Amino acid sequence: MSSAVGSTGSSSTAAGSAGSALITSTGIGSGLNIGAIVSSLTTAYGAAQTSQLTAQQTSLNAQVSAYGTFNSALETLQATLTTLEDPSQLAGFDATVADKTIASASWVGLGHKGDKTGQAREVGKTVAAAAAKRGIESVVFDRGGYLYHGRVKALAEGAREGGLSF
């Protein structure tokens, strides 16, 4: 009678008439330290995963820090814009070029009671008239980073209506 018994992927057949089976396993009796090999492999695999996680954590920490910096700058900008929205805070400011005032205008003395866009157009016309008195016909219009719409556009259009060319 012959039988086969499998253990960890290997099998052997028993020979003999007494019906005894011989069981063998790869590694047993080979002198290999299976426990140490498995431990080394799992440590190496774990080290690679730990390295990946550390790199991801560093990247996320940098992103969170950048978000905090951006958020702080945004709050500062919002506080500044809130101040600038109040027309009484702007009273007394003049349009100046470098260190010498060539032309200045303010909506306060214009008597224009319309909306802010209309006031900006009137300021543009006033600046153009002041520049014309000094013989200035052409200027460079620096928007200061603001988009060309709304009050910025109205100021430029008012200056053009007043005779300035950009």
N, C-alpha and C. Protein backbone atom coordinates (compact mmCIF):
# COMPACT_ATOMS: atom_id res chain seq x y z
N MET A 1 0.85 -1.16 0.00
CA MET A 1 0.00 0.00 0.00
C MET A 1 0.89 1.21 0.00
N SER A 2 0.58 2.18 -0.85
CA SER A 2 1.42 3.36 -1.02
C SER A 2 0.56 4.60 -0.76
N SER A 3 1.10 5.59 -0.05
CA SER A 3 0.33 6.80 0.23
C SER A 3 1.22 8.02 0.05
N ALA A 4 0.59 9.16 -0.19
CA ALA A 4 1.34 10.42 -0.36
C ALA A 4 0.80 11.44 0.63
N VAL A 5 1.69 12.11 1.32
CA VAL A 5 1.28 13.13 2.27
C VAL A 5 2.03 14.41 1.90
N GLY A 6 1.32 15.53 1.73
CA GLY A 6 1.95 16.78 1.31
C GLY A 6 2.18 17.70 2.50
N SER A 7 3.29 18.38 2.48
CA SER A 7 3.58 19.36 3.52
C SER A 7 4.34 20.52 2.89
N THR A 8 3.81 21.69 2.97
CA THR A 8 4.35 22.94 2.44
C THR A 8 4.86 22.81 1.01
N GLY A 9 4.05 22.25 0.18
CA GLY A 9 4.36 22.25 -1.23
C GLY A 9 5.18 21.06 -1.68
N SER A 10 5.63 20.20 -0.83
CA SER A 10 6.40 19.05 -1.28
C SER A 10 5.69 17.79 -0.84
N SER A 11 5.94 16.76 -1.56
CA SER A 11 5.29 15.50 -1.19
C SER A 11 6.30 14.37 -1.34
N SER A 12 6.02 13.35 -0.68
CA SER A 12 6.87 12.17 -0.80
C SER A 12 5.97 10.95 -0.78
N THR A 13 6.50 9.91 -1.28
CA THR A 13 5.72 8.67 -1.27
C THR A 13 6.36 7.71 -0.30
N ALA A 14 5.54 6.98 0.28
CA ALA A 14 6.05 5.99 1.23
C ALA A 14 6.22 4.68 0.48
N ALA A 15 7.31 4.04 0.73
CA ALA A 15 7.57 2.76 0.10
C ALA A 15 7.70 1.72 1.20
N GLY A 16 7.28 0.65 0.93
CA GLY A 16 7.43 -0.42 1.91
C GLY A 16 6.12 -1.14 2.10
N SER A 17 6.23 -2.27 2.64
CA SER A 17 5.05 -3.10 2.78
C SER A 17 4.42 -2.90 4.13
N ALA A 18 5.07 -2.17 5.04
CA ALA A 18 4.53 -2.02 6.37
C ALA A 18 3.50 -0.92 6.43
N GLY A 19 3.34 -0.11 5.35
CA GLY A 19 2.35 0.96 5.32
C GLY A 19 2.82 2.20 6.05
N SER A 20 4.11 2.39 6.28
CA SER A 20 4.60 3.60 6.95
C SER A 20 4.84 4.67 5.90
N ALA A 21 4.63 5.97 6.26
CA ALA A 21 4.81 7.08 5.33
C ALA A 21 6.00 7.92 5.78
N LEU A 22 6.73 8.37 4.83
CA LEU A 22 7.88 9.24 5.10
C LEU A 22 7.45 10.67 4.74
N ILE A 23 7.52 11.59 5.70
CA ILE A 23 7.10 12.98 5.48
C ILE A 23 8.35 13.84 5.46
N THR A 24 8.52 14.66 4.39
CA THR A 24 9.65 15.59 4.30
C THR A 24 9.13 16.98 4.00
N SER A 25 9.90 17.99 4.32
CA SER A 25 9.52 19.38 4.07
C SER A 25 10.76 20.13 3.64
N THR A 26 10.58 21.02 2.71
CA THR A 26 11.71 21.81 2.24
C THR A 26 12.22 22.67 3.38
N GLY A 27 13.50 22.64 3.61
CA GLY A 27 14.10 23.46 4.64
C GLY A 27 14.37 22.70 5.92
N ILE A 28 13.55 21.76 6.21
CA ILE A 28 13.77 21.00 7.44
C ILE A 28 14.96 20.11 7.22
N GLY A 29 15.92 20.25 8.07
CA GLY A 29 17.12 19.45 7.96
C GLY A 29 18.11 19.99 6.95
N SER A 30 17.80 21.15 6.32
CA SER A 30 18.71 21.70 5.32
C SER A 30 19.74 22.64 5.93
N GLY A 31 19.55 23.01 7.17
CA GLY A 31 20.47 23.92 7.82
C GLY A 31 20.11 25.40 7.61
N LEU A 32 19.03 25.69 6.88
CA LEU A 32 18.59 27.07 6.67
C LEU A 32 17.77 27.53 7.86
N ASN A 33 18.01 28.76 8.29
CA ASN A 33 17.25 29.33 9.40
C ASN A 33 16.04 30.05 8.79
N ILE A 34 14.95 29.32 8.63
CA ILE A 34 13.74 29.84 7.98
C ILE A 34 13.19 31.04 8.75
N GLY A 35 13.19 30.99 10.04
CA GLY A 35 12.68 32.08 10.87
C GLY A 35 13.44 33.37 10.62
N ALA A 36 14.76 33.29 10.54
CA ALA A 36 15.58 34.48 10.30
C ALA A 36 15.35 35.03 8.90
N ILE A 37 15.18 34.14 7.92
CA ILE A 37 14.93 34.57 6.54
C ILE A 37 13.60 35.30 6.45
N VAL A 38 12.56 34.73 7.04
CA VAL A 38 11.23 35.35 7.01
C VAL A 38 11.27 36.69 7.76
N SER A 39 11.93 36.75 8.89
CA SER A 39 12.03 37.98 9.66
C SER A 39 12.76 39.06 8.85
N SER A 40 13.84 38.72 8.17
CA SER A 40 14.58 39.68 7.35
C SER A 40 13.73 40.19 6.19
N LEU A 41 12.98 39.30 5.55
CA LEU A 41 12.13 39.70 4.44
C LEU A 41 11.03 40.65 4.89
N THR A 42 10.38 40.35 6.01
CA THR A 42 9.31 41.22 6.48
C THR A 42 9.86 42.57 6.94
N THR A 43 11.06 42.58 7.52
CA THR A 43 11.69 43.85 7.94
C THR A 43 12.02 44.69 6.71
N ALA A 44 12.55 44.07 5.66
CA ALA A 44 12.90 44.80 4.44
C ALA A 44 11.65 45.36 3.77
N TYR A 45 10.59 44.57 3.72
CA TYR A 45 9.33 45.03 3.13
C TYR A 45 8.75 46.18 3.96
N GLY A 46 8.81 46.06 5.26
CA GLY A 46 8.31 47.11 6.15
C GLY A 46 9.12 48.39 6.03
N ALA A 47 10.43 48.27 5.85
CA ALA A 47 11.28 49.46 5.71
C ALA A 47 10.92 50.24 4.46
N ALA A 48 10.62 49.55 3.38
CA ALA A 48 10.23 50.23 2.14
C ALA A 48 8.92 50.98 2.33
N GLN A 49 7.97 50.34 3.01
CA GLN A 49 6.69 51.00 3.26
C GLN A 49 6.87 52.19 4.20
N THR A 50 7.71 52.04 5.22
CA THR A 50 7.97 53.13 6.15
C THR A 50 8.61 54.30 5.42
N SER A 51 9.52 54.03 4.52
CA SER A 51 10.17 55.08 3.74
C SER A 51 9.14 55.81 2.89
N GLN A 52 8.25 55.09 2.25
CA GLN A 52 7.20 55.70 1.44
C GLN A 52 6.30 56.57 2.29
N LEU A 53 5.89 56.07 3.44
CA LEU A 53 5.01 56.83 4.32
C LEU A 53 5.70 58.09 4.84
N THR A 54 6.99 58.00 5.14
CA THR A 54 7.73 59.17 5.60
C THR A 54 7.80 60.24 4.51
N ALA A 55 8.03 59.81 3.27
CA ALA A 55 8.06 60.76 2.15
C ALA A 55 6.70 61.43 1.96
N GLN A 56 5.62 60.66 2.07
CA GLN A 56 4.28 61.23 1.93
C GLN A 56 3.98 62.20 3.07
N GLN A 57 4.41 61.86 4.28
CA GLN A 57 4.18 62.73 5.42
C GLN A 57 4.93 64.04 5.25
N THR A 58 6.15 63.99 4.78
CA THR A 58 6.93 65.20 4.55
C THR A 58 6.25 66.09 3.52
N SER A 59 5.75 65.48 2.44
CA SER A 59 5.05 66.23 1.40
C SER A 59 3.78 66.88 1.95
N LEU A 60 3.01 66.12 2.73
CA LEU A 60 1.77 66.67 3.29
C LEU A 60 2.07 67.78 4.30
N ASN A 61 3.12 67.63 5.09
CA ASN A 61 3.49 68.69 6.04
C ASN A 61 3.84 69.98 5.30
N ALA A 62 4.54 69.86 4.17
CA ALA A 62 4.89 71.04 3.38
C ALA A 62 3.62 71.70 2.81
N GLN A 63 2.68 70.88 2.37
CA GLN A 63 1.44 71.43 1.82
C GLN A 63 0.62 72.13 2.90
N VAL A 64 0.56 71.55 4.09
CA VAL A 64 -0.18 72.17 5.19
C VAL A 64 0.47 73.49 5.59
N SER A 65 1.79 73.51 5.61
CA SER A 65 2.51 74.74 5.94
C SER A 65 2.24 75.82 4.90
N ALA A 66 2.27 75.45 3.62
CA ALA A 66 1.99 76.41 2.55
C ALA A 66 0.55 76.92 2.65
N TYR A 67 -0.37 76.04 2.99
CA TYR A 67 -1.77 76.45 3.16
C TYR A 67 -1.89 77.46 4.29
N GLY A 68 -1.18 77.22 5.40
CA GLY A 68 -1.21 78.15 6.52
C GLY A 68 -0.67 79.51 6.15
N THR A 69 0.42 79.53 5.40
CA THR A 69 1.02 80.78 4.96
C THR A 69 0.06 81.52 4.02
N PHE A 70 -0.54 80.78 3.10
CA PHE A 70 -1.49 81.38 2.17
C PHE A 70 -2.70 81.93 2.92
N ASN A 71 -3.21 81.16 3.87
CA ASN A 71 -4.38 81.58 4.63
C ASN A 71 -4.08 82.86 5.41
N SER A 72 -2.91 82.96 5.99
CA SER A 72 -2.51 84.16 6.74
C SER A 72 -2.44 85.37 5.81
N ALA A 73 -1.83 85.18 4.64
CA ALA A 73 -1.73 86.28 3.67
C ALA A 73 -3.12 86.71 3.18
N LEU A 74 -4.00 85.74 2.98
CA LEU A 74 -5.36 86.03 2.54
C LEU A 74 -6.11 86.83 3.60
N GLU A 75 -5.96 86.48 4.87
CA GLU A 75 -6.62 87.22 5.94
C GLU A 75 -6.11 88.66 6.00
N THR A 76 -4.80 88.85 5.80
CA THR A 76 -4.23 90.20 5.78
C THR A 76 -4.82 91.00 4.62
N LEU A 77 -4.92 90.37 3.45
CA LEU A 77 -5.49 91.04 2.28
C LEU A 77 -6.95 91.41 2.52
N GLN A 78 -7.72 90.50 3.11
CA GLN A 78 -9.13 90.79 3.37
C GLN A 78 -9.29 91.94 4.35
N ALA A 79 -8.45 91.98 5.36
CA ALA A 79 -8.52 93.08 6.33
C ALA A 79 -8.19 94.41 5.65
N THR A 80 -7.20 94.40 4.76
CA THR A 80 -6.82 95.61 4.04
C THR A 80 -7.94 96.05 3.10
N LEU A 81 -8.55 95.10 2.40
CA LEU A 81 -9.63 95.44 1.48
C LEU A 81 -10.84 96.00 2.22
N THR A 82 -11.11 95.48 3.40
CA THR A 82 -12.22 96.00 4.20
C THR A 82 -11.98 97.47 4.51
N THR A 83 -10.76 97.82 4.84
CA THR A 83 -10.41 99.22 5.11
C THR A 83 -10.56 100.07 3.85
N LEU A 84 -10.14 99.53 2.71
CA LEU A 84 -10.20 100.30 1.47
C LEU A 84 -11.61 100.49 0.94
N GLU A 85 -12.55 99.64 1.36
CA GLU A 85 -13.93 99.78 0.89
C GLU A 85 -14.62 100.99 1.51
N ASP A 86 -14.11 101.49 2.61
CA ASP A 86 -14.70 102.64 3.28
C ASP A 86 -14.15 103.92 2.64
N PRO A 87 -14.97 104.67 1.92
CA PRO A 87 -14.48 105.86 1.22
C PRO A 87 -13.86 106.90 2.16
N SER A 88 -14.33 106.96 3.40
CA SER A 88 -13.77 107.95 4.31
C SER A 88 -12.31 107.65 4.64
N GLN A 89 -11.90 106.39 4.49
CA GLN A 89 -10.50 106.02 4.72
C GLN A 89 -9.60 106.52 3.59
N LEU A 90 -10.19 106.76 2.41
CA LEU A 90 -9.41 107.17 1.25
C LEU A 90 -9.34 108.68 1.09
N ALA A 91 -10.10 109.42 1.87
CA ALA A 91 -10.12 110.87 1.74
C ALA A 91 -8.72 111.42 2.00
N GLY A 92 -8.29 112.31 1.13
CA GLY A 92 -6.99 112.92 1.31
C GLY A 92 -5.88 112.25 0.51
N PHE A 93 -6.14 111.13 -0.14
CA PHE A 93 -5.13 110.49 -0.97
C PHE A 93 -5.09 111.15 -2.34
N ASP A 94 -3.91 111.30 -2.87
CA ASP A 94 -3.73 111.93 -4.17
C ASP A 94 -3.03 110.96 -5.11
N ALA A 95 -3.30 111.12 -6.40
CA ALA A 95 -2.57 110.35 -7.41
C ALA A 95 -1.23 111.02 -7.61
N THR A 96 -0.15 110.30 -7.39
CA THR A 96 1.18 110.89 -7.52
C THR A 96 2.06 110.00 -8.40
N VAL A 97 3.07 110.61 -8.96
CA VAL A 97 4.05 109.90 -9.77
C VAL A 97 5.41 110.12 -9.14
N ALA A 98 6.08 109.03 -8.80
CA ALA A 98 7.41 109.08 -8.18
C ALA A 98 7.40 110.02 -6.98
N ASP A 99 8.37 110.92 -6.92
CA ASP A 99 8.48 111.83 -5.78
C ASP A 99 7.84 113.19 -6.06
N LYS A 100 7.59 113.50 -7.31
CA LYS A 100 7.00 114.78 -7.67
C LYS A 100 5.54 114.57 -8.07
N THR A 101 4.68 115.40 -7.56
CA THR A 101 3.28 115.32 -7.93
C THR A 101 3.10 116.08 -9.24
N ILE A 102 2.73 115.36 -10.28
CA ILE A 102 2.49 115.99 -11.57
C ILE A 102 1.02 116.35 -11.69
N ALA A 103 0.19 115.43 -11.26
CA ALA A 103 -1.25 115.67 -11.30
C ALA A 103 -1.88 114.88 -10.17
N SER A 104 -2.88 115.45 -9.58
CA SER A 104 -3.58 114.74 -8.51
C SER A 104 -5.06 115.03 -8.61
N ALA A 105 -5.84 114.10 -8.09
CA ALA A 105 -7.28 114.28 -8.08
C ALA A 105 -7.87 113.42 -6.98
N SER A 106 -8.99 113.85 -6.48
CA SER A 106 -9.71 113.09 -5.46
C SER A 106 -11.19 113.25 -5.73
N TRP A 107 -11.95 112.25 -5.47
CA TRP A 107 -13.39 112.32 -5.73
C TRP A 107 -14.09 113.18 -4.68
N VAL A 108 -13.42 113.45 -3.55
CA VAL A 108 -14.05 114.18 -2.45
C VAL A 108 -14.50 115.58 -2.90
N GLY A 109 -13.66 116.26 -3.61
CA GLY A 109 -13.98 117.64 -3.99
C GLY A 109 -14.74 117.76 -5.30
N LEU A 110 -15.08 116.68 -5.94
CA LEU A 110 -15.70 116.74 -7.26
C LEU A 110 -17.20 116.99 -7.20
N GLY A 111 -17.83 116.67 -6.09
CA GLY A 111 -19.26 116.88 -5.97
C GLY A 111 -20.08 115.86 -6.72
N HIS A 112 -19.47 114.81 -7.21
CA HIS A 112 -20.20 113.75 -7.93
C HIS A 112 -20.84 112.83 -6.91
N LYS A 113 -22.14 112.70 -6.96
CA LYS A 113 -22.86 111.91 -5.96
C LYS A 113 -23.25 110.52 -6.46
N GLY A 114 -22.77 110.09 -7.62
CA GLY A 114 -23.15 108.81 -8.19
C GLY A 114 -22.45 107.64 -7.52
N ASP A 115 -22.47 106.55 -8.20
CA ASP A 115 -21.82 105.34 -7.68
C ASP A 115 -20.31 105.47 -7.76
N LYS A 116 -19.61 104.49 -7.23
CA LYS A 116 -18.14 104.54 -7.17
C LYS A 116 -17.51 104.48 -8.56
N THR A 117 -18.15 103.78 -9.48
CA THR A 117 -17.62 103.72 -10.85
C THR A 117 -17.71 105.09 -11.50
N GLY A 118 -18.82 105.79 -11.28
CA GLY A 118 -18.97 107.15 -11.81
C GLY A 118 -17.96 108.11 -11.19
N GLN A 119 -17.71 107.93 -9.90
CA GLN A 119 -16.72 108.76 -9.22
C GLN A 119 -15.33 108.52 -9.80
N ALA A 120 -15.02 107.26 -10.08
CA ALA A 120 -13.71 106.93 -10.66
C ALA A 120 -13.54 107.57 -12.03
N ARG A 121 -14.62 107.57 -12.83
CA ARG A 121 -14.56 108.20 -14.16
C ARG A 121 -14.29 109.70 -14.01
N GLU A 122 -14.94 110.35 -13.07
CA GLU A 122 -14.73 111.78 -12.84
C GLU A 122 -13.30 112.06 -12.37
N VAL A 123 -12.75 111.20 -11.52
CA VAL A 123 -11.36 111.36 -11.07
C VAL A 123 -10.43 111.25 -12.27
N GLY A 124 -10.69 110.31 -13.18
CA GLY A 124 -9.88 110.16 -14.40
C GLY A 124 -9.90 111.42 -15.25
N LYS A 125 -11.08 112.02 -15.40
CA LYS A 125 -11.20 113.26 -16.18
C LYS A 125 -10.42 114.40 -15.50
N THR A 126 -10.49 114.45 -14.18
CA THR A 126 -9.80 115.51 -13.44
C THR A 126 -8.29 115.36 -13.56
N VAL A 127 -7.80 114.12 -13.47
CA VAL A 127 -6.36 113.87 -13.63
C VAL A 127 -5.92 114.28 -15.04
N ALA A 128 -6.73 113.96 -16.04
CA ALA A 128 -6.39 114.32 -17.42
C ALA A 128 -6.32 115.83 -17.58
N ALA A 129 -7.24 116.54 -16.95
CA ALA A 129 -7.23 118.01 -17.05
C ALA A 129 -5.99 118.58 -16.36
N ALA A 130 -5.63 118.02 -15.19
CA ALA A 130 -4.44 118.51 -14.48
C ALA A 130 -3.17 118.21 -15.27
N ALA A 131 -3.12 117.04 -15.92
CA ALA A 131 -1.95 116.69 -16.73
C ALA A 131 -1.87 117.59 -17.95
N ALA A 132 -3.01 117.91 -18.56
CA ALA A 132 -3.02 118.77 -19.74
C ALA A 132 -2.50 120.17 -19.41
N LYS A 133 -2.78 120.65 -18.19
CA LYS A 133 -2.28 121.97 -17.77
C LYS A 133 -0.76 121.99 -17.72
N ARG A 134 -0.17 120.84 -17.51
CA ARG A 134 1.30 120.73 -17.45
C ARG A 134 1.88 120.30 -18.79
N GLY A 135 1.05 120.16 -19.82
CA GLY A 135 1.53 119.80 -21.14
C GLY A 135 1.73 118.31 -21.34
N ILE A 136 1.15 117.51 -20.50
CA ILE A 136 1.28 116.04 -20.61
C ILE A 136 0.09 115.52 -21.41
N GLU A 137 0.40 114.81 -22.51
CA GLU A 137 -0.65 114.28 -23.36
C GLU A 137 -0.71 112.76 -23.34
N SER A 138 0.41 112.12 -23.02
CA SER A 138 0.49 110.65 -23.05
C SER A 138 1.08 110.15 -21.74
N VAL A 139 0.48 109.09 -21.21
CA VAL A 139 0.93 108.52 -19.93
C VAL A 139 0.95 106.99 -20.01
N VAL A 140 1.60 106.39 -19.05
CA VAL A 140 1.56 104.94 -18.89
C VAL A 140 0.63 104.67 -17.73
N PHE A 141 -0.36 103.84 -17.94
CA PHE A 141 -1.35 103.53 -16.91
C PHE A 141 -0.98 102.23 -16.24
N ASP A 142 -0.55 102.29 -15.00
CA ASP A 142 -0.19 101.11 -14.22
C ASP A 142 -1.38 100.76 -13.34
N ARG A 143 -1.96 99.60 -13.60
CA ARG A 143 -3.15 99.17 -12.86
C ARG A 143 -2.80 98.70 -11.46
N GLY A 144 -1.52 98.55 -11.17
CA GLY A 144 -1.11 98.11 -9.85
C GLY A 144 -1.53 96.68 -9.55
N GLY A 145 -1.66 95.86 -10.57
CA GLY A 145 -2.04 94.47 -10.36
C GLY A 145 -3.53 94.24 -10.35
N TYR A 146 -4.32 95.30 -10.38
CA TYR A 146 -5.77 95.13 -10.38
C TYR A 146 -6.25 94.78 -11.78
N LEU A 147 -7.34 94.03 -11.86
CA LEU A 147 -7.92 93.69 -13.14
C LEU A 147 -8.49 94.94 -13.80
N TYR A 148 -8.49 94.95 -15.12
CA TYR A 148 -8.99 96.11 -15.86
C TYR A 148 -10.50 95.98 -16.03
N HIS A 149 -11.21 96.31 -14.97
CA HIS A 149 -12.67 96.34 -15.01
C HIS A 149 -13.16 97.20 -13.85
N GLY A 150 -14.43 97.48 -13.84
CA GLY A 150 -15.01 98.25 -12.75
C GLY A 150 -14.42 99.64 -12.65
N ARG A 151 -14.00 100.02 -11.43
CA ARG A 151 -13.51 101.36 -11.17
C ARG A 151 -12.18 101.65 -11.87
N VAL A 152 -11.34 100.62 -11.99
CA VAL A 152 -10.06 100.82 -12.69
C VAL A 152 -10.32 101.17 -14.15
N LYS A 153 -11.22 100.44 -14.78
CA LYS A 153 -11.57 100.71 -16.17
C LYS A 153 -12.23 102.08 -16.30
N ALA A 154 -13.10 102.42 -15.36
CA ALA A 154 -13.79 103.72 -15.41
C ALA A 154 -12.80 104.86 -15.26
N LEU A 155 -11.80 104.72 -14.40
CA LEU A 155 -10.78 105.75 -14.24
C LEU A 155 -10.03 105.96 -15.55
N ALA A 156 -9.63 104.84 -16.19
CA ALA A 156 -8.89 104.94 -17.45
C ALA A 156 -9.75 105.58 -18.55
N GLU A 157 -11.00 105.17 -18.61
CA GLU A 157 -11.89 105.74 -19.63
C GLU A 157 -12.11 107.23 -19.38
N GLY A 158 -12.23 107.62 -18.11
CA GLY A 158 -12.38 109.05 -17.80
C GLY A 158 -11.16 109.83 -18.21
N ALA A 159 -9.98 109.27 -17.98
CA ALA A 159 -8.74 109.94 -18.37
C ALA A 159 -8.65 110.08 -19.88
N ARG A 160 -9.09 109.04 -20.61
CA ARG A 160 -9.10 109.13 -22.08
C ARG A 160 -10.08 110.19 -22.55
N GLU A 161 -11.26 110.22 -21.92
CA GLU A 161 -12.26 111.25 -22.27
C GLU A 161 -11.71 112.65 -22.00
N GLY A 162 -10.85 112.75 -20.99
CA GLY A 162 -10.23 114.04 -20.67
C GLY A 162 -9.07 114.42 -21.58
N GLY A 163 -8.69 113.53 -22.50
CA GLY A 163 -7.66 113.85 -23.48
C GLY A 163 -6.34 113.13 -23.32
N LEU A 164 -6.18 112.32 -22.30
CA LEU A 164 -4.93 111.57 -22.14
C LEU A 164 -4.93 110.35 -23.04
N SER A 165 -3.77 110.02 -23.55
CA SER A 165 -3.63 108.76 -24.31
C SER A 165 -2.67 107.87 -23.56
N PHE A 166 -2.97 106.59 -23.58
CA PHE A 166 -2.14 105.60 -22.86
C PHE A 166 -1.27 104.87 -23.83
